[in-house]
Amino acid sequence: MSVLTELYSVVIDRREHPQEKSYTCYLFDQGVDKICKKCGEECTEMVIAAKNQDNNELKNEIADLFYHVAVLCAERGLDISEVEDVLRERSSKIGNLKQFHVSDHNT
């Protein structure tokens, strides 16, 4: 079992068995708007850490983002295994560059 699967299992457990003073339960109580806001905040903090070339902070912000994404998946009824399946499928396509449309801005 991957650490993301384990994390997702804990998140699901908190949703099904709410615990007092649980941050995860707080997020579920607040709903999808709050969860999405937290995902956005963590994403921004991750970008700042990367731009500041602070790998210690970067790994922590990525972990925070993964956690909030797991909560978002649970809130929306999307099993984390479905996301893992997409990643697995994409990994089989490594080396296939996408062709980008080139616009001629002079015409």
PDB file of N, CA and C in Angstrom:
ATOM      1  N   MET A   1       0.853  -1.175   0.000  1.00  0.00           N
ATOM      2  CA  MET A   1       0.000   0.000   0.000  1.00  0.00           C
ATOM      3  C   MET A   1       0.901   1.241   0.000  1.00  0.00           C
ATOM      4  N   SER A   2       0.600   2.173  -0.881  1.00  0.00           N
ATOM      5  CA  SER A   2       1.402   3.394  -0.957  1.00  0.00           C
ATOM      6  C   SER A   2       1.041   4.334   0.192  1.00  0.00           C
ATOM      7  N   VAL A   3       1.931   5.254   0.473  1.00  0.00           N
ATOM      8  CA  VAL A   3       1.677   6.220   1.540  1.00  0.00           C
ATOM      9  C   VAL A   3       0.458   7.082   1.206  1.00  0.00           C
ATOM     10  N   LEU A   4       0.232   7.361  -0.084  1.00  0.00           N
ATOM     11  CA  LEU A   4      -0.951   8.139  -0.465  1.00  0.00           C
ATOM     12  C   LEU A   4      -2.228   7.349  -0.213  1.00  0.00           C
ATOM     13  N   THR A   5      -2.184   6.055  -0.461  1.00  0.00           N
ATOM     14  CA  THR A   5      -3.336   5.204  -0.184  1.00  0.00           C
ATOM     15  C   THR A   5      -3.607   5.147   1.317  1.00  0.00           C
ATOM     16  N   GLU A   6      -2.537   5.051   2.099  1.00  0.00           N
ATOM     17  CA  GLU A   6      -2.689   5.052   3.555  1.00  0.00           C
ATOM     18  C   GLU A   6      -3.278   6.373   4.039  1.00  0.00           C
ATOM     19  N   LEU A   7      -2.772   7.478   3.508  1.00  0.00           N
ATOM     20  CA  LEU A   7      -3.288   8.797   3.859  1.00  0.00           C
ATOM     21  C   LEU A   7      -4.770   8.897   3.518  1.00  0.00           C
ATOM     22  N   TYR A   8      -5.121   8.455   2.327  1.00  0.00           N
ATOM     23  CA  TYR A   8      -6.510   8.503   1.891  1.00  0.00           C
ATOM     24  C   TYR A   8      -7.393   7.664   2.810  1.00  0.00           C
ATOM     25  N   SER A   9      -6.893   6.523   3.246  1.00  0.00           N
ATOM     26  CA  SER A   9      -7.656   5.658   4.166  1.00  0.00           C
ATOM     27  C   SER A   9      -7.934   6.364   5.484  1.00  0.00           C
ATOM     28  N   VAL A  10      -6.954   7.092   5.988  1.00  0.00           N
ATOM     29  CA  VAL A  10      -7.151   7.853   7.231  1.00  0.00           C
ATOM     30  C   VAL A  10      -8.192   8.945   7.013  1.00  0.00           C
ATOM     31  N   VAL A  11      -8.106   9.629   5.880  1.00  0.00           N
ATOM     32  CA  VAL A  11      -9.068  10.693   5.560  1.00  0.00           C
ATOM     33  C   VAL A  11     -10.488  10.115   5.495  1.00  0.00           C
ATOM     34  N   ILE A  12     -10.646   8.988   4.819  1.00  0.00           N
ATOM     35  CA  ILE A  12     -11.962   8.338   4.726  1.00  0.00           C
ATOM     36  C   ILE A  12     -12.456   7.933   6.110  1.00  0.00           C
ATOM     37  N   ASP A  13     -11.563   7.412   6.930  1.00  0.00           N
ATOM     38  CA  ASP A  13     -11.941   7.024   8.282  1.00  0.00           C
ATOM     39  C   ASP A  13     -12.433   8.226   9.083  1.00  0.00           C
ATOM     40  N   ARG A  14     -11.783   9.377   8.925  1.00  0.00           N
ATOM     41  CA  ARG A  14     -12.214  10.591   9.643  1.00  0.00           C
ATOM     42  C   ARG A  14     -13.595  11.035   9.154  1.00  0.00           C
ATOM     43  N   ARG A  15     -13.829  10.875   7.851  1.00  0.00           N
ATOM     44  CA  ARG A  15     -15.140  11.263   7.315  1.00  0.00           C
ATOM     45  C   ARG A  15     -16.235  10.348   7.862  1.00  0.00           C
ATOM     46  N   GLU A  16     -15.943   9.053   7.943  1.00  0.00           N
ATOM     47  CA  GLU A  16     -16.942   8.085   8.394  1.00  0.00           C
ATOM     48  C   GLU A  16     -17.063   8.003   9.909  1.00  0.00           C
ATOM     49  N   HIS A  17     -15.989   8.357  10.616  1.00  0.00           N
ATOM     50  CA  HIS A  17     -15.971   8.310  12.085  1.00  0.00           C
ATOM     51  C   HIS A  17     -15.385   9.623  12.610  1.00  0.00           C
ATOM     52  N   PRO A  18     -16.180  10.699  12.550  1.00  0.00           N
ATOM     53  CA  PRO A  18     -15.665  12.014  12.958  1.00  0.00           C
ATOM     54  C   PRO A  18     -15.097  11.995  14.377  1.00  0.00           C
ATOM     55  N   GLN A  19     -13.996  12.722  14.528  1.00  0.00           N
ATOM     56  CA  GLN A  19     -13.349  12.849  15.828  1.00  0.00           C
ATOM     57  C   GLN A  19     -13.289  14.319  16.207  1.00  0.00           C
ATOM     58  N   GLU A  20     -13.560  14.592  17.463  1.00  0.00           N
ATOM     59  CA  GLU A  20     -13.515  15.954  17.958  1.00  0.00           C
ATOM     60  C   GLU A  20     -12.109  16.523  17.797  1.00  0.00           C
ATOM     61  N   LYS A  21     -12.029  17.766  17.388  1.00  0.00           N
ATOM     62  CA  LYS A  21     -10.779  18.495  17.202  1.00  0.00           C
ATOM     63  C   LYS A  21      -9.935  17.964  16.039  1.00  0.00           C
ATOM     64  N   SER A  22     -10.535  17.209  15.128  1.00  0.00           N
ATOM     65  CA  SER A  22      -9.827  16.712  13.953  1.00  0.00           C
ATOM     66  C   SER A  22      -9.879  17.772  12.855  1.00  0.00           C
ATOM     67  N   TYR A  23      -8.714  18.156  12.352  1.00  0.00           N
ATOM     68  CA  TYR A  23      -8.660  19.129  11.262  1.00  0.00           C
ATOM     69  C   TYR A  23      -9.349  18.589  10.017  1.00  0.00           C
ATOM     70  N   THR A  24      -9.186  17.302   9.761  1.00  0.00           N
ATOM     71  CA  THR A  24      -9.834  16.679   8.604  1.00  0.00           C
ATOM     72  C   THR A  24     -11.350  16.795   8.720  1.00  0.00           C
ATOM     73  N   CYS A  25     -11.877  16.520   9.899  1.00  0.00           N
ATOM     74  CA  CYS A  25     -13.325  16.633  10.117  1.00  0.00           C
ATOM     75  C   CYS A  25     -13.786  18.076   9.954  1.00  0.00           C
ATOM     76  N   TYR A  26     -12.979  19.010  10.426  1.00  0.00           N
ATOM     77  CA  TYR A  26     -13.275  20.433  10.251  1.00  0.00           C
ATOM     78  C   TYR A  26     -13.420  20.758   8.766  1.00  0.00           C
ATOM     79  N   LEU A  27     -12.480  20.265   7.953  1.00  0.00           N
ATOM     80  CA  LEU A  27     -12.555  20.531   6.517  1.00  0.00           C
ATOM     81  C   LEU A  27     -13.824  19.947   5.908  1.00  0.00           C
ATOM     82  N   PHE A  28     -14.171  18.719   6.284  1.00  0.00           N
ATOM     83  CA  PHE A  28     -15.404  18.122   5.771  1.00  0.00           C
ATOM     84  C   PHE A  28     -16.620  18.939   6.188  1.00  0.00           C
ATOM     85  N   ASP A  29     -16.625  19.417   7.419  1.00  0.00           N
ATOM     86  CA  ASP A  29     -17.742  20.237   7.897  1.00  0.00           C
ATOM     87  C   ASP A  29     -17.863  21.535   7.104  1.00  0.00           C
ATOM     88  N   GLN A  30     -16.723  22.092   6.706  1.00  0.00           N
ATOM     89  CA  GLN A  30     -16.725  23.364   5.971  1.00  0.00           C
ATOM     90  C   GLN A  30     -17.128  23.188   4.509  1.00  0.00           C
ATOM     91  N   GLY A  31     -16.864  22.020   3.954  1.00  0.00           N
ATOM     92  CA  GLY A  31     -17.308  21.735   2.599  1.00  0.00           C
ATOM     93  C   GLY A  31     -16.272  21.973   1.520  1.00  0.00           C
ATOM     94  N   VAL A  32     -16.707  21.736   0.304  1.00  0.00           N
ATOM     95  CA  VAL A  32     -15.805  21.724  -0.851  1.00  0.00           C
ATOM     96  C   VAL A  32     -15.150  23.085  -1.092  1.00  0.00           C
ATOM     97  N   ASP A  33     -15.850  24.188  -0.834  1.00  0.00           N
ATOM     98  CA  ASP A  33     -15.242  25.496  -1.073  1.00  0.00           C
ATOM     99  C   ASP A  33     -14.015  25.708  -0.191  1.00  0.00           C
ATOM    100  N   LYS A  34     -14.127  25.361   1.079  1.00  0.00           N
ATOM    101  CA  LYS A  34     -12.998  25.511   2.008  1.00  0.00           C
ATOM    102  C   LYS A  34     -11.862  24.570   1.619  1.00  0.00           C
ATOM    103  N   ILE A  35     -12.201  23.339   1.260  1.00  0.00           N
ATOM    104  CA  ILE A  35     -11.181  22.371   0.874  1.00  0.00           C
ATOM    105  C   ILE A  35     -10.439  22.849  -0.368  1.00  0.00           C
ATOM    106  N   CYS A  36     -11.177  23.363  -1.344  1.00  0.00           N
ATOM    107  CA  CYS A  36     -10.541  23.881  -2.562  1.00  0.00           C
ATOM    108  C   CYS A  36      -9.670  25.095  -2.244  1.00  0.00           C
ATOM    109  N   LYS A  37     -10.127  25.947  -1.346  1.00  0.00           N
ATOM    110  CA  LYS A  37      -9.338  27.110  -0.944  1.00  0.00           C
ATOM    111  C   LYS A  37      -8.014  26.657  -0.335  1.00  0.00           C
ATOM    112  N   LYS A  38      -8.062  25.643   0.528  1.00  0.00           N
ATOM    113  CA  LYS A  38      -6.845  25.128   1.149  1.00  0.00           C
ATOM    114  C   LYS A  38      -5.921  24.511   0.098  1.00  0.00           C
ATOM    115  N   CYS A  39      -6.474  23.801  -0.882  1.00  0.00           N
ATOM    116  CA  CYS A  39      -5.652  23.241  -1.958  1.00  0.00           C
ATOM    117  C   CYS A  39      -4.923  24.364  -2.695  1.00  0.00           C
ATOM    118  N   GLY A  40      -5.651  25.441  -2.996  1.00  0.00           N
ATOM    119  CA  GLY A  40      -5.051  26.588  -3.676  1.00  0.00           C
ATOM    120  C   GLY A  40      -3.954  27.235  -2.857  1.00  0.00           C
ATOM    121  N   GLU A  41      -4.198  27.398  -1.556  1.00  0.00           N
ATOM    122  CA  GLU A  41      -3.191  27.994  -0.675  1.00  0.00           C
ATOM    123  C   GLU A  41      -1.931  27.136  -0.632  1.00  0.00           C
ATOM    124  N   GLU A  42      -2.116  25.832  -0.485  1.00  0.00           N
ATOM    125  CA  GLU A  42      -0.960  24.933  -0.401  1.00  0.00           C
ATOM    126  C   GLU A  42      -0.198  24.906  -1.719  1.00  0.00           C
ATOM    127  N   CYS A  43      -0.911  24.975  -2.811  1.00  0.00           N
ATOM    128  CA  CYS A  43      -0.267  25.000  -4.124  1.00  0.00           C
ATOM    129  C   CYS A  43       0.590  26.262  -4.269  1.00  0.00           C
ATOM    130  N   THR A  44       0.045  27.389  -3.851  1.00  0.00           N
ATOM    131  CA  THR A  44       0.782  28.648  -3.913  1.00  0.00           C
ATOM    132  C   THR A  44       2.019  28.597  -3.024  1.00  0.00           C
ATOM    133  N   GLU A  45       1.861  28.052  -1.814  1.00  0.00           N
ATOM    134  CA  GLU A  45       2.998  27.936  -0.897  1.00  0.00           C
ATOM    135  C   GLU A  45       4.069  26.995  -1.462  1.00  0.00           C
ATOM    136  N   MET A  46       3.641  25.968  -2.172  1.00  0.00           N
ATOM    137  CA  MET A  46       4.578  25.052  -2.817  1.00  0.00           C
ATOM    138  C   MET A  46       5.384  25.793  -3.893  1.00  0.00           C
ATOM    139  N   VAL A  47       4.709  26.590  -4.692  1.00  0.00           N
ATOM    140  CA  VAL A  47       5.375  27.343  -5.752  1.00  0.00           C
ATOM    141  C   VAL A  47       6.384  28.325  -5.151  1.00  0.00           C
ATOM    142  N   ILE A  48       5.995  29.008  -4.085  1.00  0.00           N
ATOM    143  CA  ILE A  48       6.900  29.968  -3.437  1.00  0.00           C
ATOM    144  C   ILE A  48       8.141  29.251  -2.896  1.00  0.00           C
ATOM    145  N   ALA A  49       7.941  28.109  -2.249  1.00  0.00           N
ATOM    146  CA  ALA A  49       9.079  27.347  -1.724  1.00  0.00           C
ATOM    147  C   ALA A  49      10.015  26.920  -2.855  1.00  0.00           C
ATOM    148  N   ALA A  50       9.426  26.506  -3.971  1.00  0.00           N
ATOM    149  CA  ALA A  50      10.247  26.103  -5.123  1.00  0.00           C
ATOM    150  C   ALA A  50      11.030  27.295  -5.667  1.00  0.00           C
ATOM    151  N   LYS A  51      10.367  28.429  -5.804  1.00  0.00           N
ATOM    152  CA  LYS A  51      11.027  29.633  -6.311  1.00  0.00           C
ATOM    153  C   LYS A  51      12.115  30.110  -5.360  1.00  0.00           C
ATOM    154  N   ASN A  52      11.923  29.878  -4.060  1.00  0.00           N
ATOM    155  CA  ASN A  52      12.919  30.272  -3.059  1.00  0.00           C
ATOM    156  C   ASN A  52      14.039  29.244  -2.934  1.00  0.00           C
ATOM    157  N   GLN A  53      13.946  28.182  -3.721  1.00  0.00           N
ATOM    158  CA  GLN A  53      14.949  27.116  -3.725  1.00  0.00           C
ATOM    159  C   GLN A  53      15.165  26.523  -2.332  1.00  0.00           C
ATOM    160  N   ASP A  54      14.043  26.369  -1.605  1.00  0.00           N
ATOM    161  CA  ASP A  54      14.083  25.819  -0.246  1.00  0.00           C
ATOM    162  C   ASP A  54      13.458  24.428  -0.273  1.00  0.00           C
ATOM    163  N   ASN A  55      14.283  23.410  -0.515  1.00  0.00           N
ATOM    164  CA  ASN A  55      13.756  22.053  -0.651  1.00  0.00           C
ATOM    165  C   ASN A  55      13.140  21.518   0.631  1.00  0.00           C
ATOM    166  N   ASN A  56      13.622  21.953   1.778  1.00  0.00           N
ATOM    167  CA  ASN A  56      13.012  21.509   3.029  1.00  0.00           C
ATOM    168  C   ASN A  56      11.567  22.015   3.113  1.00  0.00           C
ATOM    169  N   GLU A  57      11.393  23.285   2.826  1.00  0.00           N
ATOM    170  CA  GLU A  57      10.046  23.856   2.824  1.00  0.00           C
ATOM    171  C   GLU A  57       9.215  23.264   1.685  1.00  0.00           C
ATOM    172  N   LEU A  58       9.830  23.049   0.538  1.00  0.00           N
ATOM    173  CA  LEU A  58       9.138  22.505  -0.622  1.00  0.00           C
ATOM    174  C   LEU A  58       8.543  21.132  -0.324  1.00  0.00           C
ATOM    175  N   LYS A  59       9.322  20.242   0.269  1.00  0.00           N
ATOM    176  CA  LYS A  59       8.791  18.909   0.552  1.00  0.00           C
ATOM    177  C   LYS A  59       7.632  18.962   1.538  1.00  0.00           C
ATOM    178  N   ASN A  60       7.684  19.895   2.486  1.00  0.00           N
ATOM    179  CA  ASN A  60       6.585  20.040   3.432  1.00  0.00           C
ATOM    180  C   ASN A  60       5.335  20.601   2.771  1.00  0.00           C
ATOM    181  N   GLU A  61       5.508  21.555   1.881  1.00  0.00           N
ATOM    182  CA  GLU A  61       4.354  22.131   1.181  1.00  0.00           C
ATOM    183  C   GLU A  61       3.743  21.114   0.215  1.00  0.00           C
ATOM    184  N   ILE A  62       4.562  20.308  -0.429  1.00  0.00           N
ATOM    185  CA  ILE A  62       4.034  19.255  -1.298  1.00  0.00           C
ATOM    186  C   ILE A  62       3.237  18.254  -0.474  1.00  0.00           C
ATOM    187  N   ALA A  63       3.754  17.884   0.691  1.00  0.00           N
ATOM    188  CA  ALA A  63       3.027  16.966   1.574  1.00  0.00           C
ATOM    189  C   ALA A  63       1.694  17.568   1.997  1.00  0.00           C
ATOM    190  N   ASP A  64       1.687  18.869   2.333  1.00  0.00           N
ATOM    191  CA  ASP A  64       0.433  19.545   2.686  1.00  0.00           C
ATOM    192  C   ASP A  64      -0.551  19.518   1.523  1.00  0.00           C
ATOM    193  N   LEU A  65      -0.039  19.753   0.325  1.00  0.00           N
ATOM    194  CA  LEU A  65      -0.896  19.732  -0.865  1.00  0.00           C
ATOM    195  C   LEU A  65      -1.467  18.342  -1.096  1.00  0.00           C
ATOM    196  N   PHE A  66      -0.632  17.307  -0.988  1.00  0.00           N
ATOM    197  CA  PHE A  66      -1.122  15.934  -1.152  1.00  0.00           C
ATOM    198  C   PHE A  66      -2.231  15.631  -0.155  1.00  0.00           C
ATOM    199  N   TYR A  67      -2.037  16.058   1.095  1.00  0.00           N
ATOM    200  CA  TYR A  67      -3.059  15.828   2.117  1.00  0.00           C
ATOM    201  C   TYR A  67      -4.378  16.503   1.725  1.00  0.00           C
ATOM    202  N   HIS A  68      -4.316  17.768   1.364  1.00  0.00           N
ATOM    203  CA  HIS A  68      -5.547  18.487   1.030  1.00  0.00           C
ATOM    204  C   HIS A  68      -6.197  17.935  -0.237  1.00  0.00           C
ATOM    205  N   VAL A  69      -5.402  17.458  -1.182  1.00  0.00           N
ATOM    206  CA  VAL A  69      -5.955  16.813  -2.368  1.00  0.00           C
ATOM    207  C   VAL A  69      -6.661  15.510  -1.978  1.00  0.00           C
ATOM    208  N   ALA A  70      -6.091  14.773  -1.036  1.00  0.00           N
ATOM    209  CA  ALA A  70      -6.746  13.543  -0.563  1.00  0.00           C
ATOM    210  C   ALA A  70      -8.095  13.869   0.075  1.00  0.00           C
ATOM    211  N   VAL A  71      -8.152  14.949   0.844  1.00  0.00           N
ATOM    212  CA  VAL A  71      -9.422  15.372   1.447  1.00  0.00           C
ATOM    213  C   VAL A  71     -10.409  15.772   0.351  1.00  0.00           C
ATOM    214  N   LEU A  72      -9.940  16.492  -0.648  1.00  0.00           N
ATOM    215  CA  LEU A  72     -10.802  16.889  -1.765  1.00  0.00           C
ATOM    216  C   LEU A  72     -11.345  15.663  -2.495  1.00  0.00           C
ATOM    217  N   CYS A  73     -10.485  14.691  -2.750  1.00  0.00           N
ATOM    218  CA  CYS A  73     -10.935  13.456  -3.409  1.00  0.00           C
ATOM    219  C   CYS A  73     -12.035  12.793  -2.592  1.00  0.00           C
ATOM    220  N   ALA A  74     -11.827  12.681  -1.294  1.00  0.00           N
ATOM    221  CA  ALA A  74     -12.822  12.051  -0.421  1.00  0.00           C
ATOM    222  C   ALA A  74     -14.130  12.838  -0.427  1.00  0.00           C
ATOM    223  N   GLU A  75     -14.018  14.145  -0.376  1.00  0.00           N
ATOM    224  CA  GLU A  75     -15.212  15.002  -0.381  1.00  0.00           C
ATOM    225  C   GLU A  75     -16.026  14.804  -1.661  1.00  0.00           C
ATOM    226  N   ARG A  76     -15.337  14.640  -2.777  1.00  0.00           N
ATOM    227  CA  ARG A  76     -16.011  14.520  -4.072  1.00  0.00           C
ATOM    228  C   ARG A  76     -16.321  13.072  -4.438  1.00  0.00           C
ATOM    229  N   GLY A  77     -15.952  12.127  -3.567  1.00  0.00           N
ATOM    230  CA  GLY A  77     -16.249  10.723  -3.841  1.00  0.00           C
ATOM    231  C   GLY A  77     -15.344  10.111  -4.895  1.00  0.00           C
ATOM    232  N   LEU A  78     -14.159  10.660  -5.042  1.00  0.00           N
ATOM    233  CA  LEU A  78     -13.184  10.170  -6.006  1.00  0.00           C
ATOM    234  C   LEU A  78     -12.132   9.376  -5.251  1.00  0.00           C
ATOM    235  N   ASP A  79     -12.095   8.074  -5.485  1.00  0.00           N
ATOM    236  CA  ASP A  79     -11.118   7.241  -4.787  1.00  0.00           C
ATOM    237  C   ASP A  79      -9.719   7.551  -5.303  1.00  0.00           C
ATOM    238  N   ILE A  80      -8.772   7.655  -4.390  1.00  0.00           N
ATOM    239  CA  ILE A  80      -7.400   7.990  -4.753  1.00  0.00           C
ATOM    240  C   ILE A  80      -6.815   6.967  -5.728  1.00  0.00           C
ATOM    241  N   SER A  81      -7.329   5.750  -5.697  1.00  0.00           N
ATOM    242  CA  SER A  81      -6.845   4.722  -6.627  1.00  0.00           C
ATOM    243  C   SER A  81      -7.146   5.115  -8.072  1.00  0.00           C
ATOM    244  N   GLU A  82      -8.209   5.884  -8.291  1.00  0.00           N
ATOM    245  CA  GLU A  82      -8.521   6.338  -9.646  1.00  0.00           C
ATOM    246  C   GLU A  82      -7.461   7.318 -10.151  1.00  0.00           C
ATOM    247  N   VAL A  83      -6.960   8.149  -9.259  1.00  0.00           N
ATOM    248  CA  VAL A  83      -5.892   9.082  -9.612  1.00  0.00           C
ATOM    249  C   VAL A  83      -4.612   8.294  -9.883  1.00  0.00           C
ATOM    250  N   GLU A  84      -4.335   7.301  -9.039  1.00  0.00           N
ATOM    251  CA  GLU A  84      -3.166   6.455  -9.247  1.00  0.00           C
ATOM    252  C   GLU A  84      -3.254   5.722 -10.590  1.00  0.00           C
ATOM    253  N   ASP A  85      -4.455   5.291 -10.965  1.00  0.00           N
ATOM    254  CA  ASP A  85      -4.643   4.619 -12.258  1.00  0.00           C
ATOM    255  C   ASP A  85      -4.284   5.549 -13.415  1.00  0.00           C
ATOM    256  N   VAL A  86      -4.691   6.812 -13.312  1.00  0.00           N
ATOM    257  CA  VAL A  86      -4.367   7.783 -14.360  1.00  0.00           C
ATOM    258  C   VAL A  86      -2.857   7.967 -14.443  1.00  0.00           C
ATOM    259  N   LEU A  87      -2.207   8.074 -13.291  1.00  0.00           N
ATOM    260  CA  LEU A  87      -0.749   8.234 -13.284  1.00  0.00           C
ATOM    261  C   LEU A  87      -0.057   7.011 -13.880  1.00  0.00           C
ATOM    262  N   ARG A  88      -0.567   5.813 -13.542  1.00  0.00           N
ATOM    263  CA  ARG A  88      -0.005   4.584 -14.093  1.00  0.00           C
ATOM    264  C   ARG A  88      -0.141   4.569 -15.617  1.00  0.00           C
ATOM    265  N   GLU A  89      -1.324   4.946 -16.081  1.00  0.00           N
ATOM    266  CA  GLU A  89      -1.570   4.981 -17.527  1.00  0.00           C
ATOM    267  C   GLU A  89      -0.647   5.984 -18.211  1.00  0.00           C
ATOM    268  N   ARG A  90      -0.496   7.131 -17.603  1.00  0.00           N
ATOM    269  CA  ARG A  90       0.369   8.153 -18.189  1.00  0.00           C
ATOM    270  C   ARG A  90       1.831   7.729 -18.181  1.00  0.00           C
ATOM    271  N   SER A  91       2.238   6.998 -17.155  1.00  0.00           N
ATOM    272  CA  SER A  91       3.646   6.590 -17.082  1.00  0.00           C
ATOM    273  C   SER A  91       4.001   5.638 -18.218  1.00  0.00           C
ATOM    274  N   SER A  92       3.016   4.952 -18.764  1.00  0.00           N
ATOM    275  CA  SER A  92       3.289   4.059 -19.898  1.00  0.00           C
ATOM    276  C   SER A  92       3.494   4.846 -21.182  1.00  0.00           C
ATOM    277  N   LYS A  93       3.195   6.123 -21.144  1.00  0.00           N
ATOM    278  CA  LYS A  93       3.327   6.967 -22.336  1.00  0.00           C
ATOM    279  C   LYS A  93       4.559   7.860 -22.275  1.00  0.00           C
ATOM    280  N   ILE A  94       5.438   7.612 -21.304  1.00  0.00           N
ATOM    281  CA  ILE A  94       6.632   8.446 -21.162  1.00  0.00           C
ATOM    282  C   ILE A  94       7.438   8.402 -22.456  1.00  0.00           C
ATOM    283  N   GLY A  95       7.866   9.573 -22.873  1.00  0.00           N
ATOM    284  CA  GLY A  95       8.648   9.662 -24.104  1.00  0.00           C
ATOM    285  C   GLY A  95       7.830  10.136 -25.282  1.00  0.00           C
ATOM    286  N   ASN A  96       6.533  10.183 -25.138  1.00  0.00           N
ATOM    287  CA  ASN A  96       5.668  10.661 -26.216  1.00  0.00           C
ATOM    288  C   ASN A  96       5.356  12.134 -25.976  1.00  0.00           C
ATOM    289  N   LEU A  97       6.088  12.999 -26.632  1.00  0.00           N
ATOM    290  CA  LEU A  97       5.861  14.426 -26.469  1.00  0.00           C
ATOM    291  C   LEU A  97       4.557  14.828 -27.148  1.00  0.00           C
ATOM    292  N   LYS A  98       3.822  15.688 -26.492  1.00  0.00           N
ATOM    293  CA  LYS A  98       2.607  16.212 -27.105  1.00  0.00           C
ATOM    294  C   LYS A  98       3.009  17.238 -28.156  1.00  0.00           C
ATOM    295  N   GLN A  99       2.252  17.293 -29.221  1.00  0.00           N
ATOM    296  CA  GLN A  99       2.477  18.286 -30.247  1.00  0.00           C
ATOM    297  C   GLN A  99       1.682  19.536 -29.878  1.00  0.00           C
ATOM    298  N   PHE A 100       2.365  20.653 -29.816  1.00  0.00           N
ATOM    299  CA  PHE A 100       1.711  21.895 -29.457  1.00  0.00           C
ATOM    300  C   PHE A 100       1.374  22.685 -30.714  1.00  0.00           C
ATOM    301  N   HIS A 101       0.217  23.322 -30.685  1.00  0.00           N
ATOM    302  CA  HIS A 101      -0.191  24.175 -31.793  1.00  0.00           C
ATOM    303  C   HIS A 101       0.643  25.443 -31.762  1.00  0.00           C
ATOM    304  N   VAL A 102       1.226  25.768 -32.885  1.00  0.00           N
ATOM    305  CA  VAL A 102       2.040  26.976 -32.982  1.00  0.00           C
ATOM    306  C   VAL A 102       1.202  28.039 -33.669  1.00  0.00           C
ATOM    307  N   SER A 103       1.056  29.170 -33.012  1.00  0.00           N
ATOM    308  CA  SER A 103       0.283  30.269 -33.580  1.00  0.00           C
ATOM    309  C   SER A 103       1.222  31.260 -34.267  1.00  0.00           C
ATOM    310  N   ASP A 104       0.792  31.732 -35.418  1.00  0.00           N
ATOM    311  CA  ASP A 104       1.530  32.780 -36.107  1.00  0.00           C
ATOM    312  C   ASP A 104       0.903  34.103 -35.729  1.00  0.00           C
ATOM    313  N   HIS A 105       1.571  34.826 -34.843  1.00  0.00           N
ATOM    314  CA  HIS A 105       1.014  36.086 -34.342  1.00  0.00           C
ATOM    315  C   HIS A 105       1.220  37.243 -35.328  1.00  0.00           C
ATOM    316  N   ASN A 106       1.882  36.976 -36.448  1.00  0.00           N
ATOM    317  CA  ASN A 106       2.115  38.023 -37.447  1.00  0.00           C
ATOM    318  C   ASN A 106       1.011  38.100 -38.476  1.00  0.00           C
ATOM    319  N   THR A 107       0.054  37.168 -38.440  1.00  0.00           N
ATOM    320  CA  THR A 107      -1.006  37.195 -39.439  1.00  0.00           C
ATOM    321  C   THR A 107      -2.319  37.566 -38.814  1.00  0.00           C
TER     322      THR A 107
END
